Amino acid sequence: MADAPKSGPLVVSIDAMGGDNAPGAVIDGIAIARVRHPGARFLLHGRQNELEQLIAGKAGLVEVVEIRPAADVVGMDDKPSQALRRGRETSMWRAIQSVKDGEAATAVSAGNTGALMAMAKFQLRPLDGIQRPAIAALWPTMRGQTVVLDVGANVGSEARHLVDFAVMGAAFARIVLGMKTPLVALLNIGTEEVKGNEHVKLAAQMLRDANLPIQFEGFVEGDDISAGTVDVVVTDGFSGNIALKSAEGAARLVAYYLQTALKRSWVSMLGAAIASGAFKVLRAKMDPRTSNGGVFLGLNGTVVKSHGGTDGLGFASAIDLAIEMTRQDMTNRIAADIAGVAAILSRTAPAVEPQAEAPVGP
């Protein structure tokens, strides 16, 4: 496990150069987070001169920020294997290294997802009993929020990996959403037991037969995610990432249609003015920036991935999530759950299962 952070203020390690709008959006996000979390401190990794100029224009940041020079940057299109080989001088590598060395409690980056996972796995290492870490995201639903994982760490996953995701997702829901017994389900093309590929069907069998300390509800379909049918939806990173991006695109489409419709005539504009309070609530609920941030689960340390194209408000939300995970001691709590589950599965899991595709990264 990563070295324990030194006593004192909670320190967040930031990849200041990662993301489409870095470093400006990153600094804007830290400025917002400084107000929300007065006791936090920030280690910024990136190009020193550029960061110093941006920080100088933000009131109060100089007192809570320390810049660590990093000359290189991981590109958004870099392959994970390439980034891992040449990346030790990058802002992303240095941000994770600060967690490994105990200088920071958590790391946040809006950079290349595959490279970030590859570097985090290499430096922090998976928890005992975890073969594949996963990225978990909070998904707004009709009932509140649902945890969805994996949303991009693994292209394909075997049945045992999906079982691990279910256990980690349930722990995440208990920690973040305060749920005593989260309802967990596998994402599938139908709710019938005969549907789905062999990995999904075998994972369902394992979850039913192993008597794990989670409430397994079987299968759900794509529209069940937004409906909030269950509290944790488990899938492989290929399907999860497509579902996530599709939902974000649908939200933007609805907002566009609504805005266009309200400007069609003076009557619709008058109606919009009368209902402005309701529209503000709707806009806030549909804003992906308010739930921005995917947590890397299954590692010996906390890493949060912000959406690459986010602005300062979205990056601040990712920092919020990273700080909450740290305060709730997420890594140790998940490690304890996985240790208990591994003992159960060793007695009940099938000896052979189909081979999955290779994971994202090296």
Protein backbone atom coordinates (compact mmCIF):
# COMPACT_ATOMS: atom_id res chain seq x y z
CA MET A 1 0.00 0.00 0.00
CA ALA A 2 1.16 3.57 -0.68
CA ASP A 3 3.00 5.20 2.18
CA ALA A 4 0.70 6.93 4.65
CA PRO A 5 0.57 10.70 4.17
CA LYS A 6 2.34 12.74 6.77
CA SER A 7 0.23 14.25 9.55
CA GLY A 8 -1.15 17.71 8.87
CA PRO A 9 -3.46 19.19 6.21
CA LEU A 10 -5.00 16.92 3.61
CA VAL A 11 -2.82 17.20 0.50
CA VAL A 12 -4.17 16.69 -3.02
CA SER A 13 -1.67 15.97 -5.79
CA ILE A 14 -2.71 17.53 -9.11
CA ASP A 15 -1.64 16.79 -12.68
CA ALA A 16 -1.81 20.46 -13.68
CA MET A 17 -1.11 19.82 -17.38
CA GLY A 18 -3.62 17.03 -18.04
CA GLY A 19 -6.81 17.66 -20.02
CA ASP A 20 -8.03 19.60 -23.04
CA ASN A 21 -8.25 22.89 -21.15
CA ALA A 22 -5.21 22.58 -18.88
CA PRO A 23 -3.69 24.27 -17.07
CA GLY A 24 -6.26 27.07 -16.99
CA ALA A 25 -9.25 24.90 -16.08
CA VAL A 26 -7.16 23.08 -13.47
CA ILE A 27 -6.18 26.31 -11.71
CA ASP A 28 -9.79 27.54 -11.88
CA GLY A 29 -10.90 24.28 -10.27
CA ILE A 30 -8.35 24.55 -7.48
CA ALA A 31 -9.51 28.10 -6.78
CA ILE A 32 -13.06 26.79 -6.29
CA ALA A 33 -11.88 23.80 -4.23
CA ARG A 34 -9.83 26.04 -1.94
CA VAL A 35 -13.04 27.75 -0.83
CA ARG A 36 -14.95 24.49 -0.43
CA HIS A 37 -12.13 22.78 1.51
CA PRO A 38 -10.29 25.44 3.53
CA GLY A 39 -7.96 22.91 5.18
CA ALA A 40 -6.73 21.30 1.97
CA ARG A 41 -3.36 21.90 0.32
CA PHE A 42 -2.38 21.20 -3.28
CA LEU A 43 0.76 19.89 -4.97
CA LEU A 44 0.77 21.04 -8.59
CA HIS A 45 2.90 19.16 -11.09
CA GLY A 46 3.65 20.86 -14.38
CA ARG A 47 5.43 23.71 -16.12
CA GLN A 48 6.49 26.05 -13.35
CA ASN A 49 6.52 29.41 -15.14
CA GLU A 50 3.12 28.85 -16.70
CA LEU A 51 1.59 27.73 -13.41
CA GLU A 52 3.09 30.60 -11.43
CA GLN A 53 1.53 33.14 -13.77
CA LEU A 54 -1.91 31.56 -13.49
CA ILE A 55 -1.75 31.20 -9.71
CA ALA A 56 -0.71 34.82 -9.28
CA GLY A 57 -4.06 35.88 -10.75
CA LYS A 58 -6.12 33.90 -8.22
CA ALA A 59 -6.65 35.32 -4.76
CA GLY A 60 -5.50 33.07 -1.93
CA LEU A 61 -3.98 30.31 -4.06
CA VAL A 62 -0.34 31.08 -3.33
CA GLU A 63 -0.82 30.15 0.32
CA VAL A 64 -2.27 26.69 -0.37
CA VAL A 65 -0.35 25.60 -3.49
CA GLU A 66 3.12 24.17 -4.00
CA ILE A 67 4.45 23.78 -7.54
CA ARG A 68 6.57 20.77 -8.46
CA PRO A 69 8.27 21.27 -11.85
CA ALA A 70 7.57 18.63 -14.52
CA ALA A 71 8.89 19.32 -17.98
CA ASP A 72 6.92 16.74 -19.97
CA VAL A 73 3.21 16.18 -20.54
CA VAL A 74 1.23 13.06 -21.51
CA GLY A 75 -0.73 13.80 -24.66
CA MET A 76 -4.41 12.96 -24.86
CA ASP A 77 -3.69 10.69 -27.86
CA ASP A 78 -0.60 8.97 -26.42
CA LYS A 79 -0.79 5.20 -26.15
CA PRO A 80 -0.69 3.97 -22.53
CA SER A 81 2.32 1.74 -23.17
CA GLN A 82 4.29 4.62 -24.71
CA ALA A 83 3.35 7.00 -21.91
CA LEU A 84 4.43 4.43 -19.32
CA ARG A 85 7.82 3.91 -20.94
CA ARG A 86 8.75 7.57 -21.32
CA GLY A 87 6.50 9.18 -18.76
CA ARG A 88 8.58 9.50 -15.60
CA GLU A 89 9.24 13.18 -16.24
CA THR A 90 5.58 13.98 -16.94
CA SER A 91 3.18 15.87 -14.70
CA MET A 92 0.89 12.81 -14.62
CA TRP A 93 3.59 10.44 -13.36
CA ARG A 94 4.75 12.92 -10.74
CA ALA A 95 1.20 13.48 -9.49
CA ILE A 96 0.76 9.76 -8.82
CA GLN A 97 4.25 9.41 -7.39
CA SER A 98 3.40 11.96 -4.69
CA VAL A 99 0.65 9.59 -3.50
CA LYS A 100 2.99 6.61 -3.62
CA ASP A 101 5.64 8.47 -1.61
CA GLY A 102 3.16 9.61 1.03
CA GLU A 103 3.41 13.31 0.22
CA ALA A 104 -0.25 13.45 -0.83
CA ALA A 105 -3.36 11.53 0.14
CA THR A 106 -4.93 11.48 -3.33
CA ALA A 107 -4.26 12.45 -6.95
CA VAL A 108 -6.46 14.08 -9.59
CA SER A 109 -5.90 14.30 -13.34
CA ALA A 110 -7.97 15.24 -16.39
CA GLY A 111 -5.40 13.66 -18.70
CA ASN A 112 -5.29 10.59 -20.90
CA THR A 113 -7.39 7.88 -19.19
CA GLY A 114 -5.43 4.87 -20.43
CA ALA A 115 -2.09 6.41 -19.51
CA LEU A 116 -3.36 7.44 -16.09
CA MET A 117 -4.58 3.92 -15.32
CA ALA A 118 -1.34 2.37 -16.59
CA MET A 119 0.79 4.69 -14.46
CA ALA A 120 -1.45 4.27 -11.41
CA LYS A 121 -1.34 0.46 -11.67
CA PHE A 122 2.43 0.48 -12.10
CA GLN A 123 3.16 2.81 -9.18
CA LEU A 124 0.41 2.06 -6.67
CA ARG A 125 -0.22 -1.61 -7.57
CA PRO A 126 -3.61 -3.35 -7.30
CA LEU A 127 -4.93 -4.39 -3.91
CA ASP A 128 -4.39 -8.01 -2.90
CA GLY A 129 -7.05 -10.13 -4.58
CA ILE A 130 -7.75 -7.61 -7.37
CA GLN A 131 -6.65 -8.52 -10.87
CA ARG A 132 -8.18 -5.55 -12.69
CA PRO A 133 -8.81 -2.12 -11.15
CA ALA A 134 -11.92 -0.35 -12.45
CA ILE A 135 -13.14 3.20 -12.91
CA ALA A 136 -16.35 3.99 -11.02
CA ALA A 137 -18.57 6.97 -11.82
CA LEU A 138 -21.60 8.49 -10.11
CA TRP A 139 -24.55 8.59 -12.50
CA PRO A 140 -27.53 10.95 -11.90
CA THR A 141 -30.83 9.04 -11.97
CA MET A 142 -34.53 9.49 -11.29
CA ARG A 143 -33.93 8.20 -7.74
CA GLY A 144 -30.74 10.11 -6.95
CA GLN A 145 -27.40 8.62 -7.98
CA THR A 146 -26.16 5.23 -9.12
CA VAL A 147 -22.60 3.88 -9.15
CA VAL A 148 -21.53 2.54 -12.56
CA LEU A 149 -18.32 0.61 -13.14
CA ASP A 150 -16.23 -0.06 -15.13
CA VAL A 151 -16.48 3.06 -17.33
CA GLY A 152 -13.22 2.78 -19.21
CA ALA A 153 -10.36 0.92 -17.56
CA ASN A 154 -10.82 -2.47 -19.24
CA VAL A 155 -11.98 -3.26 -22.78
CA GLY A 156 -13.05 -6.77 -21.78
CA SER A 157 -13.55 -8.44 -18.41
CA GLU A 158 -13.83 -12.04 -17.28
CA ALA A 159 -16.49 -13.21 -14.85
CA ARG A 160 -14.23 -12.95 -11.79
CA HIS A 161 -13.33 -9.38 -12.72
CA LEU A 162 -17.02 -8.48 -12.87
CA VAL A 163 -17.52 -10.05 -9.45
CA ASP A 164 -14.68 -7.92 -8.07
CA PHE A 165 -16.25 -4.84 -9.66
CA ALA A 166 -19.54 -5.69 -7.93
CA VAL A 167 -17.86 -5.89 -4.54
CA MET A 168 -15.89 -2.67 -5.07
CA GLY A 169 -18.96 -0.87 -6.43
CA ALA A 170 -21.03 -1.87 -3.41
CA ALA A 171 -18.30 -0.60 -1.09
CA PHE A 172 -18.13 2.64 -3.06
CA ALA A 173 -21.91 3.09 -2.78
CA ARG A 174 -21.78 2.56 0.98
CA ILE A 175 -18.93 5.05 1.36
CA VAL A 176 -20.10 7.79 -1.02
CA LEU A 177 -23.87 7.45 -1.02
CA GLY A 178 -24.30 6.22 2.55
CA MET A 179 -26.23 3.10 1.54
CA LYS A 180 -26.26 0.29 4.08
CA THR A 181 -27.11 -2.49 1.59
CA PRO A 182 -26.75 -1.31 -2.03
CA LEU A 183 -28.65 -3.17 -4.74
CA VAL A 184 -26.17 -4.51 -7.32
CA ALA A 185 -26.85 -5.72 -10.87
CA LEU A 186 -24.97 -6.64 -14.05
CA LEU A 187 -25.60 -4.63 -17.23
CA ASN A 188 -26.93 -6.91 -19.95
CA ILE A 189 -28.96 -6.92 -23.17
CA GLY A 190 -31.96 -8.27 -21.28
CA THR A 191 -33.07 -9.23 -17.79
CA GLU A 192 -33.65 -12.91 -18.61
CA GLU A 193 -31.04 -15.34 -17.26
CA VAL A 194 -30.44 -16.90 -20.69
CA LYS A 195 -29.32 -13.61 -22.27
CA GLY A 196 -25.83 -12.15 -22.41
CA ASN A 197 -22.33 -13.38 -23.17
CA GLU A 198 -20.68 -16.19 -21.22
CA HIS A 199 -18.68 -13.87 -18.95
CA VAL A 200 -21.79 -11.99 -17.83
CA LYS A 201 -23.83 -15.16 -17.27
CA LEU A 202 -21.01 -16.83 -15.34
CA ALA A 203 -20.51 -13.71 -13.21
CA ALA A 204 -24.21 -13.75 -12.36
CA GLN A 205 -23.97 -17.41 -11.34
CA MET A 206 -20.96 -16.66 -9.12
CA LEU A 207 -22.72 -13.70 -7.48
CA ARG A 208 -25.83 -15.80 -6.79
CA ASP A 209 -24.02 -18.91 -5.52
CA ALA A 210 -21.23 -17.39 -3.42
CA ASN A 211 -23.46 -15.80 -0.77
CA LEU A 212 -21.40 -12.62 -0.84
CA PRO A 213 -22.19 -9.71 1.51
CA ILE A 214 -23.97 -7.78 -1.26
CA GLN A 215 -27.56 -7.75 -2.48
CA PHE A 216 -27.39 -9.04 -6.06
CA GLU A 217 -30.46 -8.25 -8.17
CA GLY A 218 -29.54 -10.03 -11.42
CA PHE A 219 -29.48 -8.23 -14.77
CA VAL A 220 -30.50 -4.71 -15.79
CA GLU A 221 -30.67 -3.07 -19.21
CA GLY A 222 -29.27 0.27 -20.37
CA ASP A 223 -32.40 2.30 -19.63
CA ASP A 224 -32.39 1.00 -16.04
CA ILE A 225 -29.26 3.06 -15.28
CA SER A 226 -30.97 6.45 -15.58
CA ALA A 227 -34.12 5.05 -13.98
CA GLY A 228 -32.11 4.21 -10.87
CA THR A 229 -33.45 0.65 -10.77
CA VAL A 230 -30.43 -0.45 -8.71
CA ASP A 231 -27.68 1.33 -6.78
CA VAL A 232 -24.67 -0.27 -8.51
CA VAL A 233 -24.46 -1.24 -12.18
CA VAL A 234 -21.55 -3.49 -13.16
CA THR A 235 -20.16 -3.87 -16.68
CA ASP A 236 -16.91 -4.03 -18.60
CA GLY A 237 -15.10 -0.81 -19.51
CA PHE A 238 -16.01 -1.02 -23.20
CA SER A 239 -19.77 -1.03 -22.62
CA GLY A 240 -19.55 1.28 -19.62
CA ASN A 241 -17.62 3.99 -21.43
CA ILE A 242 -19.98 3.92 -24.41
CA ALA A 243 -22.97 4.18 -22.07
CA LEU A 244 -21.39 7.08 -20.18
CA LYS A 245 -20.54 9.08 -23.31
CA SER A 246 -23.97 8.35 -24.80
CA ALA A 247 -25.69 9.66 -21.67
CA GLU A 248 -23.58 12.83 -21.67
CA GLY A 249 -24.41 13.40 -25.34
CA ALA A 250 -28.12 12.83 -24.70
CA ALA A 251 -28.08 15.40 -21.89
CA ARG A 252 -26.49 17.99 -24.18
CA LEU A 253 -29.02 17.18 -26.93
CA VAL A 254 -31.98 17.66 -24.58
CA ALA A 255 -30.51 20.97 -23.37
CA TYR A 256 -30.06 22.11 -26.98
CA TYR A 257 -33.61 21.16 -27.97
CA LEU A 258 -35.03 22.87 -24.90
CA GLN A 259 -33.07 26.06 -25.47
CA THR A 260 -34.08 26.15 -29.14
CA ALA A 261 -37.76 25.58 -28.35
CA LEU A 262 -37.85 28.34 -25.73
CA LYS A 263 -36.56 30.89 -28.24
CA ARG A 264 -39.05 30.14 -31.01
CA SER A 265 -41.55 32.87 -30.14
CA TRP A 266 -42.25 35.65 -27.65
CA VAL A 267 -44.83 33.38 -25.98
CA SER A 268 -42.28 30.63 -25.36
CA MET A 269 -39.74 33.19 -24.14
CA LEU A 270 -42.34 34.60 -21.73
CA GLY A 271 -43.07 31.11 -20.48
CA ALA A 272 -39.36 30.51 -20.01
CA ALA A 273 -39.06 33.68 -17.95
CA ILE A 274 -41.96 32.60 -15.73
CA ALA A 275 -40.47 29.13 -15.26
CA SER A 276 -36.86 30.32 -14.91
CA GLY A 277 -36.52 28.90 -11.40
CA ALA A 278 -37.55 25.42 -12.55
CA PHE A 279 -35.20 25.61 -15.53
CA LYS A 280 -32.29 26.49 -13.27
CA VAL A 281 -32.96 23.35 -11.22
CA LEU A 282 -33.20 21.28 -14.41
CA ARG A 283 -29.97 22.75 -15.76
CA ALA A 284 -28.15 21.97 -12.52
CA LYS A 285 -29.37 18.35 -12.51
CA MET A 286 -28.34 17.82 -16.14
CA ASP A 287 -24.95 19.50 -15.79
CA PRO A 288 -22.30 16.72 -16.02
CA ARG A 289 -19.78 18.99 -14.28
CA THR A 290 -21.54 18.56 -10.94
CA SER A 291 -20.83 14.80 -10.91
CA ASN A 292 -17.52 14.93 -12.77
CA GLY A 293 -14.88 12.44 -11.70
CA GLY A 294 -14.26 8.73 -12.03
CA VAL A 295 -12.55 6.97 -9.13
CA PHE A 296 -9.94 4.28 -9.78
CA LEU A 297 -11.04 1.43 -7.51
CA GLY A 298 -8.83 -1.50 -6.54
CA LEU A 299 -5.50 0.30 -6.16
CA ASN A 300 -3.29 0.93 -3.13
CA GLY A 301 -4.09 4.61 -3.23
CA THR A 302 -6.79 7.02 -4.39
CA VAL A 303 -6.73 8.43 -7.92
CA VAL A 304 -9.59 10.39 -9.51
CA LYS A 305 -9.96 10.91 -13.25
CA SER A 306 -11.67 14.14 -14.28
CA HIS A 307 -13.34 14.45 -17.68
CA GLY A 308 -10.72 15.66 -20.13
CA GLY A 309 -12.85 18.46 -21.57
CA THR A 310 -14.18 19.88 -18.31
CA ASP A 311 -13.86 23.43 -17.05
CA GLY A 312 -12.94 24.74 -13.61
CA LEU A 313 -16.27 23.85 -12.01
CA GLY A 314 -16.03 20.28 -13.26
CA PHE A 315 -12.43 19.91 -12.10
CA ALA A 316 -13.44 21.21 -8.67
CA SER A 317 -16.07 18.45 -8.52
CA ALA A 318 -13.35 15.88 -9.20
CA ILE A 319 -11.30 17.34 -6.34
CA ASP A 320 -14.39 17.15 -4.11
CA LEU A 321 -14.70 13.45 -4.86
CA ALA A 322 -11.00 12.79 -4.25
CA ILE A 323 -11.13 14.51 -0.87
CA GLU A 324 -14.30 12.66 0.13
CA MET A 325 -12.75 9.30 -0.79
CA THR A 326 -9.70 10.10 1.32
CA ARG A 327 -11.68 11.21 4.35
CA GLN A 328 -13.78 8.04 4.18
CA ASP A 329 -10.63 5.83 4.03
CA MET A 330 -11.94 4.21 0.87
CA THR A 331 -8.81 2.22 -0.01
CA ASN A 332 -8.60 0.37 3.31
CA ARG A 333 -12.34 -0.27 3.45
CA ILE A 334 -12.41 -1.78 -0.04
CA ALA A 335 -9.31 -3.85 0.77
CA ALA A 336 -11.12 -5.33 3.77
CA ASP A 337 -14.19 -6.18 1.66
CA ILE A 338 -12.08 -7.79 -1.08
CA ALA A 339 -10.15 -9.91 1.43
CA GLY A 340 -13.39 -11.34 2.80
CA VAL A 341 -14.83 -11.97 -0.65
CA ALA A 342 -11.67 -13.67 -1.92
CA ALA A 343 -11.98 -16.29 0.82
CA ILE A 344 -15.58 -17.01 -0.16
CA LEU A 345 -14.88 -17.19 -3.89
CA SER A 346 -11.93 -19.53 -3.41
CA ARG A 347 -14.42 -22.12 -2.20
CA THR A 348 -17.21 -21.49 -4.72
CA ALA A 349 -15.82 -20.06 -7.99
CA PRO A 350 -15.69 -22.31 -11.08
CA ALA A 351 -12.23 -23.58 -11.96
CA VAL A 352 -12.41 -22.52 -15.63
CA GLU A 353 -14.04 -19.64 -17.47
CA PRO A 354 -13.82 -18.13 -20.97
CA GLN A 355 -10.86 -15.92 -21.82
CA ALA A 356 -11.54 -12.18 -22.07
CA GLU A 357 -10.00 -9.59 -24.33
CA ALA A 358 -6.80 -7.86 -23.25
CA PRO A 359 -7.21 -4.85 -20.94
CA VAL A 360 -6.57 -1.27 -21.94
CA GLY A 361 -2.93 -0.28 -21.52
CA PRO A 362 0.32 -2.26 -21.43
